[in-house]
Amino acid sequence: MKPLITAADLERVPQNGVLDVTEDTLITPLAREEAERRGITLRMVSNTRGPEAAPAETEALPEKSARTVAIGADHGGFELKEQLKAYLRDWGYQVLDLGTNSAEAVDYPDFAEAVGLAVARGDAWLGIVLDSAGIGSSIAANKVPGVRAALCYDRATARNSREHNDANVLTLGAKLLPPEAAREIVALWLATPFAGGRHQRRVEKIRSIEERSAKK
């Protein structure tokens, strides 16, 4: 998978600093804007990694359903879904498109369930669902056992949902986000690992709630 630079990655770079990037690095539009705003130079360097070199941390993905991201949307999210599919492929992921396939009106729970099941079954590593506001899809996806769906609307919520909650489905409001912001959220969400530690205990408690509810 190609290296990726988001605006969040530039937080560690000082004002008017320099960040080395290779020719195959993907730089999000918001990252370029942030670099220009803070006077950061994105310096191109040759890619010296040999075939046996260790992959960068952001490239590490689980072996199960390696690099497969399930994505689905209703009619309100269809256009943005199509755009995000292209970005996901550019970033080196395999895309499992679960519909819808046009802007004709459909029901968002159907696609939220399909993506949630793909993740819960292990057909996909992570999932993304889009509708006009993202709220309904989040509610529906969270009804699938094993799914922790998070509605994210900026970089902070995207990072937090992965680091703290180990969210495995991302929902987005396609009518509430500019396409470039949605792309940045998706890029950061996919690149952020679960932090574990004290958060692991809390995620286990979420699983326990789900298990207790299933027995009633």
C-alpha atoms as a PDB file:
ATOM      1  CA  MET A   1       0.000   0.000   0.000  1.00  0.00           C
ATOM      2  CA  LYS A   2       1.233   3.473  -0.838  1.00  0.00           C
ATOM      3  CA  PRO A   3       2.325   5.776   2.013  1.00  0.00           C
ATOM      4  CA  LEU A   4      -0.290   8.369   2.979  1.00  0.00           C
ATOM      5  CA  ILE A   5       0.096  11.867   4.440  1.00  0.00           C
ATOM      6  CA  THR A   6      -2.945  13.553   6.007  1.00  0.00           C
ATOM      7  CA  ALA A   7      -3.266  16.927   7.681  1.00  0.00           C
ATOM      8  CA  ALA A   8      -3.101  15.146  11.040  1.00  0.00           C
ATOM      9  CA  ASP A   9       0.390  13.876  10.191  1.00  0.00           C
ATOM     10  CA  LEU A  10       1.588  17.460   9.836  1.00  0.00           C
ATOM     11  CA  GLU A  11       0.784  18.206  13.477  1.00  0.00           C
ATOM     12  CA  ARG A  12       4.226  16.814  14.385  1.00  0.00           C
ATOM     13  CA  VAL A  13       6.022  19.045  11.874  1.00  0.00           C
ATOM     14  CA  PRO A  14       7.132  22.481  13.173  1.00  0.00           C
ATOM     15  CA  GLN A  15       6.110  25.747  11.536  1.00  0.00           C
ATOM     16  CA  ASN A  16       8.159  26.320   8.345  1.00  0.00           C
ATOM     17  CA  GLY A  17       9.617  22.829   8.736  1.00  0.00           C
ATOM     18  CA  VAL A  18      10.412  20.204   6.127  1.00  0.00           C
ATOM     19  CA  LEU A  19       8.783  16.820   5.625  1.00  0.00           C
ATOM     20  CA  ASP A  20      10.407  14.258   3.328  1.00  0.00           C
ATOM     21  CA  VAL A  21       8.014  12.348   1.091  1.00  0.00           C
ATOM     22  CA  THR A  22       8.642   9.729  -1.571  1.00  0.00           C
ATOM     23  CA  GLU A  23       7.365   9.853  -5.124  1.00  0.00           C
ATOM     24  CA  ASP A  24       4.637   7.309  -4.415  1.00  0.00           C
ATOM     25  CA  THR A  25       3.334   9.090  -1.289  1.00  0.00           C
ATOM     26  CA  LEU A  26      -0.339  10.050  -1.448  1.00  0.00           C
ATOM     27  CA  ILE A  27      -0.917  13.513   0.037  1.00  0.00           C
ATOM     28  CA  THR A  28      -4.503  14.506   0.792  1.00  0.00           C
ATOM     29  CA  PRO A  29      -5.714  17.928  -0.394  1.00  0.00           C
ATOM     30  CA  LEU A  30      -6.247  19.122   3.180  1.00  0.00           C
ATOM     31  CA  ALA A  31      -2.688  18.093   4.009  1.00  0.00           C
ATOM     32  CA  ARG A  32      -1.377  20.211   1.133  1.00  0.00           C
ATOM     33  CA  GLU A  33      -3.468  23.168   2.316  1.00  0.00           C
ATOM     34  CA  GLU A  34      -2.189  22.752   5.884  1.00  0.00           C
ATOM     35  CA  ALA A  35       1.407  22.563   4.660  1.00  0.00           C
ATOM     36  CA  GLU A  36       0.975  25.757   2.669  1.00  0.00           C
ATOM     37  CA  ARG A  37      -0.711  27.538   5.575  1.00  0.00           C
ATOM     38  CA  ARG A  38       2.105  26.656   7.996  1.00  0.00           C
ATOM     39  CA  GLY A  39       4.936  27.082   5.535  1.00  0.00           C
ATOM     40  CA  ILE A  40       5.864  23.382   5.588  1.00  0.00           C
ATOM     41  CA  THR A  41       7.943  22.173   2.656  1.00  0.00           C
ATOM     42  CA  LEU A  42       7.062  18.746   1.283  1.00  0.00           C
ATOM     43  CA  ARG A  43      10.480  17.651   0.020  1.00  0.00           C
ATOM     44  CA  MET A  44      10.538  14.859  -2.554  1.00  0.00           C
ATOM     45  CA  VAL A  45      13.110  12.152  -1.879  1.00  0.00           C
ATOM     46  CA  SER A  46      13.833   8.910  -3.709  1.00  0.00           C
ATOM     47  CA  ASN A  47      12.163   5.770  -2.463  1.00  0.00           C
ATOM     48  CA  THR A  48      15.041   3.615  -1.252  1.00  0.00           C
ATOM     49  CA  ARG A  49      12.983   0.866   0.305  1.00  0.00           C
ATOM     50  CA  GLY A  50      13.953  -2.455  -1.156  1.00  0.00           C
ATOM     51  CA  PRO A  51      11.555  -5.346  -1.627  1.00  0.00           C
ATOM     52  CA  GLU A  52      12.517  -6.800   1.744  1.00  0.00           C
ATOM     53  CA  ALA A  53      12.269  -3.562   3.685  1.00  0.00           C
ATOM     54  CA  ALA A  54       9.766  -3.447   6.526  1.00  0.00           C
ATOM     55  CA  PRO A  55       6.499  -1.667   5.659  1.00  0.00           C
ATOM     56  CA  ALA A  56       5.692   1.659   7.285  1.00  0.00           C
ATOM     57  CA  GLU A  57       3.502   1.541  10.378  1.00  0.00           C
ATOM     58  CA  THR A  58       0.497   3.007   8.575  1.00  0.00           C
ATOM     59  CA  GLU A  59       0.728   0.227   5.997  1.00  0.00           C
ATOM     60  CA  ALA A  60       0.271  -2.626   8.460  1.00  0.00           C
ATOM     61  CA  LEU A  61      -3.076  -4.336   8.082  1.00  0.00           C
ATOM     62  CA  PRO A  62      -4.452  -7.522   9.587  1.00  0.00           C
ATOM     63  CA  GLU A  63      -3.929 -10.619   7.482  1.00  0.00           C
ATOM     64  CA  LYS A  64      -7.600 -11.601   7.722  1.00  0.00           C
ATOM     65  CA  SER A  65      -9.443 -10.074   4.726  1.00  0.00           C
ATOM     66  CA  ALA A  66      -6.206  -8.200   4.122  1.00  0.00           C
ATOM     67  CA  ARG A  67      -6.773  -4.719   2.760  1.00  0.00           C
ATOM     68  CA  THR A  68     -10.452  -5.284   2.017  1.00  0.00           C
ATOM     69  CA  VAL A  69     -12.797  -2.439   2.956  1.00  0.00           C
ATOM     70  CA  ALA A  70     -16.555  -2.930   2.614  1.00  0.00           C
ATOM     71  CA  ILE A  71     -18.497   0.132   1.533  1.00  0.00           C
ATOM     72  CA  GLY A  72     -22.189   0.798   1.101  1.00  0.00           C
ATOM     73  CA  ALA A  73     -24.548   3.731   0.738  1.00  0.00           C
ATOM     74  CA  ASP A  74     -28.140   4.658   0.120  1.00  0.00           C
ATOM     75  CA  HIS A  75     -29.132   7.119  -2.611  1.00  0.00           C
ATOM     76  CA  GLY A  76     -28.037  10.066  -0.463  1.00  0.00           C
ATOM     77  CA  GLY A  77     -24.513   8.717  -0.188  1.00  0.00           C
ATOM     78  CA  PHE A  78     -24.203   7.089  -3.599  1.00  0.00           C
ATOM     79  CA  GLU A  79     -22.198   9.845  -5.298  1.00  0.00           C
ATOM     80  CA  LEU A  80     -19.694  10.171  -2.453  1.00  0.00           C
ATOM     81  CA  LYS A  81     -19.396   6.379  -2.241  1.00  0.00           C
ATOM     82  CA  GLU A  82     -18.294   6.255  -5.851  1.00  0.00           C
ATOM     83  CA  GLN A  83     -15.632   8.899  -5.189  1.00  0.00           C
ATOM     84  CA  LEU A  84     -14.347   7.171  -2.071  1.00  0.00           C
ATOM     85  CA  LYS A  85     -14.076   3.845  -3.895  1.00  0.00           C
ATOM     86  CA  ALA A  86     -11.549   5.377  -6.272  1.00  0.00           C
ATOM     87  CA  TYR A  87      -9.500   6.807  -3.399  1.00  0.00           C
ATOM     88  CA  LEU A  88      -9.522   3.507  -1.531  1.00  0.00           C
ATOM     89  CA  ARG A  89      -8.145   1.709  -4.567  1.00  0.00           C
ATOM     90  CA  ASP A  90      -5.493   4.388  -5.031  1.00  0.00           C
ATOM     91  CA  TRP A  91      -4.442   3.840  -1.422  1.00  0.00           C
ATOM     92  CA  GLY A  92      -3.988   0.128  -2.030  1.00  0.00           C
ATOM     93  CA  TYR A  93      -7.176  -1.289  -0.503  1.00  0.00           C
ATOM     94  CA  GLN A  94      -9.483  -3.809  -2.114  1.00  0.00           C
ATOM     95  CA  VAL A  95     -13.060  -2.558  -2.182  1.00  0.00           C
ATOM     96  CA  LEU A  96     -16.132  -4.664  -1.467  1.00  0.00           C
ATOM     97  CA  ASP A  97     -18.966  -2.533  -2.860  1.00  0.00           C
ATOM     98  CA  LEU A  98     -22.296  -3.595  -1.363  1.00  0.00           C
ATOM     99  CA  GLY A  99     -24.457  -0.999  -3.138  1.00  0.00           C
ATOM    100  CA  THR A 100     -26.487   0.935  -3.866  1.00  0.00           C
ATOM    101  CA  ASN A 101     -25.671   1.245  -7.546  1.00  0.00           C
ATOM    102  CA  SER A 102     -27.615   4.371  -8.522  1.00  0.00           C
ATOM    103  CA  ALA A 103     -29.173   7.528  -7.107  1.00  0.00           C
ATOM    104  CA  GLU A 104     -32.629   5.929  -7.086  1.00  0.00           C
ATOM    105  CA  ALA A 105     -34.247   6.064  -3.652  1.00  0.00           C
ATOM    106  CA  VAL A 106     -33.523   3.067  -1.406  1.00  0.00           C
ATOM    107  CA  ASP A 107     -33.519   2.324   2.342  1.00  0.00           C
ATOM    108  CA  TYR A 108     -30.295   2.960   4.268  1.00  0.00           C
ATOM    109  CA  PRO A 109     -30.727   0.126   6.835  1.00  0.00           C
ATOM    110  CA  ASP A 110     -30.287  -2.458   4.087  1.00  0.00           C
ATOM    111  CA  PHE A 111     -26.825  -1.217   3.205  1.00  0.00           C
ATOM    112  CA  ALA A 112     -25.753  -0.553   6.783  1.00  0.00           C
ATOM    113  CA  GLU A 113     -26.665  -4.146   7.620  1.00  0.00           C
ATOM    114  CA  ALA A 114     -24.824  -5.506   4.572  1.00  0.00           C
ATOM    115  CA  VAL A 115     -21.612  -3.678   5.458  1.00  0.00           C
ATOM    116  CA  GLY A 116     -21.921  -4.575   9.131  1.00  0.00           C
ATOM    117  CA  LEU A 117     -22.368  -8.261   8.321  1.00  0.00           C
ATOM    118  CA  ALA A 118     -19.377  -8.240   5.968  1.00  0.00           C
ATOM    119  CA  VAL A 119     -17.195  -6.877   8.779  1.00  0.00           C
ATOM    120  CA  ALA A 120     -18.668  -9.152  11.465  1.00  0.00           C
ATOM    121  CA  ARG A 121     -18.178 -12.241   9.278  1.00  0.00           C
ATOM    122  CA  GLY A 122     -14.609 -11.298   8.436  1.00  0.00           C
ATOM    123  CA  ASP A 123     -15.280 -10.707   4.741  1.00  0.00           C
ATOM    124  CA  ALA A 124     -13.818  -7.225   5.203  1.00  0.00           C
ATOM    125  CA  TRP A 125     -11.302  -5.676   7.566  1.00  0.00           C
ATOM    126  CA  LEU A 126     -13.323  -2.491   8.109  1.00  0.00           C
ATOM    127  CA  GLY A 127     -16.487  -0.973   6.685  1.00  0.00           C
ATOM    128  CA  ILE A 128     -17.817   2.408   5.563  1.00  0.00           C
ATOM    129  CA  VAL A 129     -21.487   3.355   5.218  1.00  0.00           C
ATOM    130  CA  LEU A 130     -22.876   6.598   3.839  1.00  0.00           C
ATOM    131  CA  ASP A 131     -26.282   8.212   3.857  1.00  0.00           C
ATOM    132  CA  SER A 132     -27.352  11.849   3.851  1.00  0.00           C
ATOM    133  CA  ALA A 133     -26.677  12.480   7.561  1.00  0.00           C
ATOM    134  CA  GLY A 134     -24.893   9.280   8.645  1.00  0.00           C
ATOM    135  CA  ILE A 135     -27.032   8.927  11.760  1.00  0.00           C
ATOM    136  CA  GLY A 136     -29.463   6.286  10.571  1.00  0.00           C
ATOM    137  CA  SER A 137     -26.721   4.123   9.099  1.00  0.00           C
ATOM    138  CA  SER A 138     -24.825   4.255  12.385  1.00  0.00           C
ATOM    139  CA  ILE A 139     -27.883   3.165  14.336  1.00  0.00           C
ATOM    140  CA  ALA A 140     -28.640   0.349  11.897  1.00  0.00           C
ATOM    141  CA  ALA A 141     -25.066  -0.931  11.627  1.00  0.00           C
ATOM    142  CA  ASN A 142     -24.748  -1.082  15.402  1.00  0.00           C
ATOM    143  CA  LYS A 143     -27.626  -3.577  15.516  1.00  0.00           C
ATOM    144  CA  VAL A 144     -25.345  -6.152  13.862  1.00  0.00           C
ATOM    145  CA  PRO A 145     -23.562  -8.195  16.583  1.00  0.00           C
ATOM    146  CA  GLY A 146     -19.848  -7.490  16.578  1.00  0.00           C
ATOM    147  CA  VAL A 147     -20.125  -4.094  14.911  1.00  0.00           C
ATOM    148  CA  ARG A 148     -18.925  -0.896  16.550  1.00  0.00           C
ATOM    149  CA  ALA A 149     -20.077   1.780  14.132  1.00  0.00           C
ATOM    150  CA  ALA A 150     -19.024   5.399  14.632  1.00  0.00           C
ATOM    151  CA  LEU A 151     -20.463   8.482  12.968  1.00  0.00           C
ATOM    152  CA  CYS A 152     -17.488  10.769  12.356  1.00  0.00           C
ATOM    153  CA  TYR A 153     -17.529  14.333  11.102  1.00  0.00           C
ATOM    154  CA  ASP A 154     -13.916  15.530  11.477  1.00  0.00           C
ATOM    155  CA  ARG A 155     -10.356  14.286  12.024  1.00  0.00           C
ATOM    156  CA  ALA A 156     -10.678  14.284  15.818  1.00  0.00           C
ATOM    157  CA  THR A 157     -13.726  12.006  15.872  1.00  0.00           C
ATOM    158  CA  ALA A 158     -12.198   9.734  13.229  1.00  0.00           C
ATOM    159  CA  ARG A 159      -9.017   9.264  15.233  1.00  0.00           C
ATOM    160  CA  ASN A 160     -10.806   8.888  18.565  1.00  0.00           C
ATOM    161  CA  SER A 161     -13.227   6.261  17.270  1.00  0.00           C
ATOM    162  CA  ARG A 162     -10.352   4.050  16.151  1.00  0.00           C
ATOM    163  CA  GLU A 163      -7.859   4.725  18.987  1.00  0.00           C
ATOM    164  CA  HIS A 164     -10.312   4.543  21.878  1.00  0.00           C
ATOM    165  CA  ASN A 165     -13.320   2.556  20.633  1.00  0.00           C
ATOM    166  CA  ASP A 166     -11.789   0.188  18.073  1.00  0.00           C
ATOM    167  CA  ALA A 167     -14.609   1.190  15.709  1.00  0.00           C
ATOM    168  CA  ASN A 168     -14.850  -1.209  12.790  1.00  0.00           C
ATOM    169  CA  VAL A 169     -17.502   0.609  10.756  1.00  0.00           C
ATOM    170  CA  LEU A 170     -17.357   4.293   9.828  1.00  0.00           C
ATOM    171  CA  THR A 171     -20.542   6.155   8.930  1.00  0.00           C
ATOM    172  CA  LEU A 172     -20.561   9.489   7.143  1.00  0.00           C
ATOM    173  CA  GLY A 173     -23.183  12.105   6.332  1.00  0.00           C
ATOM    174  CA  ALA A 174     -22.662  12.660   2.635  1.00  0.00           C
ATOM    175  CA  LYS A 175     -24.821  15.792   2.558  1.00  0.00           C
ATOM    176  CA  LEU A 176     -23.063  17.344   5.553  1.00  0.00           C
ATOM    177  CA  LEU A 177     -19.422  16.924   4.492  1.00  0.00           C
ATOM    178  CA  PRO A 178     -17.466  18.356   1.569  1.00  0.00           C
ATOM    179  CA  PRO A 179     -15.959  15.492  -0.464  1.00  0.00           C
ATOM    180  CA  GLU A 180     -12.400  16.506   0.433  1.00  0.00           C
ATOM    181  CA  ALA A 181     -13.234  16.455   4.157  1.00  0.00           C
ATOM    182  CA  ALA A 182     -14.834  13.017   3.816  1.00  0.00           C
ATOM    183  CA  ARG A 183     -11.741  11.759   2.011  1.00  0.00           C
ATOM    184  CA  GLU A 184      -9.486  13.059   4.780  1.00  0.00           C
ATOM    185  CA  ILE A 185     -11.667  11.483   7.476  1.00  0.00           C
ATOM    186  CA  VAL A 186     -11.610   8.112   5.713  1.00  0.00           C
ATOM    187  CA  ALA A 187      -7.846   8.237   5.167  1.00  0.00           C
ATOM    188  CA  LEU A 188      -7.130   9.039   8.819  1.00  0.00           C
ATOM    189  CA  TRP A 189      -9.699   6.553  10.131  1.00  0.00           C
ATOM    190  CA  LEU A 190      -8.179   3.700   8.149  1.00  0.00           C
ATOM    191  CA  ALA A 191      -4.627   4.654   9.112  1.00  0.00           C
ATOM    192  CA  THR A 192      -5.308   4.930  12.867  1.00  0.00           C
ATOM    193  CA  PRO A 193      -4.726   1.767  14.942  1.00  0.00           C
ATOM    194  CA  PHE A 194      -6.562   0.828  18.135  1.00  0.00           C
ATOM    195  CA  ALA A 195      -4.529   2.016  21.110  1.00  0.00           C
ATOM    196  CA  GLY A 196      -5.418  -0.893  23.410  1.00  0.00           C
ATOM    197  CA  GLY A 197      -4.323  -0.457  27.025  1.00  0.00           C
ATOM    198  CA  ARG A 198      -7.057   1.011  29.201  1.00  0.00           C
ATOM    199  CA  HIS A 199      -9.295   1.260  26.135  1.00  0.00           C
ATOM    200  CA  GLN A 200      -9.230  -2.517  25.679  1.00  0.00           C
ATOM    201  CA  ARG A 201     -11.044  -2.983  28.989  1.00  0.00           C
ATOM    202  CA  ARG A 202     -13.750  -0.574  27.912  1.00  0.00           C
ATOM    203  CA  VAL A 203     -14.244  -2.181  24.523  1.00  0.00           C
ATOM    204  CA  GLU A 204     -14.558  -5.543  26.272  1.00  0.00           C
ATOM    205  CA  LYS A 205     -17.327  -4.056  28.401  1.00  0.00           C
ATOM    206  CA  ILE A 206     -19.120  -2.987  25.214  1.00  0.00           C
ATOM    207  CA  ARG A 207     -18.873  -6.580  23.998  1.00  0.00           C
ATOM    208  CA  SER A 208     -20.223  -7.794  27.341  1.00  0.00           C
ATOM    209  CA  ILE A 209     -23.289  -5.576  27.011  1.00  0.00           C
ATOM    210  CA  GLU A 210     -23.911  -7.046  23.589  1.00  0.00           C
ATOM    211  CA  GLU A 211     -23.529 -10.616  24.845  1.00  0.00           C
ATOM    212  CA  ARG A 212     -25.857 -10.055  27.814  1.00  0.00           C
ATOM    213  CA  SER A 213     -28.482  -8.484  25.596  1.00  0.00           C
ATOM    214  CA  ALA A 214     -28.337 -11.414  23.180  1.00  0.00           C
ATOM    215  CA  LYS A 215     -29.173 -13.848  26.004  1.00  0.00           C
ATOM    216  CA  LYS A 216     -32.367 -12.070  27.038  1.00  0.00           C
END
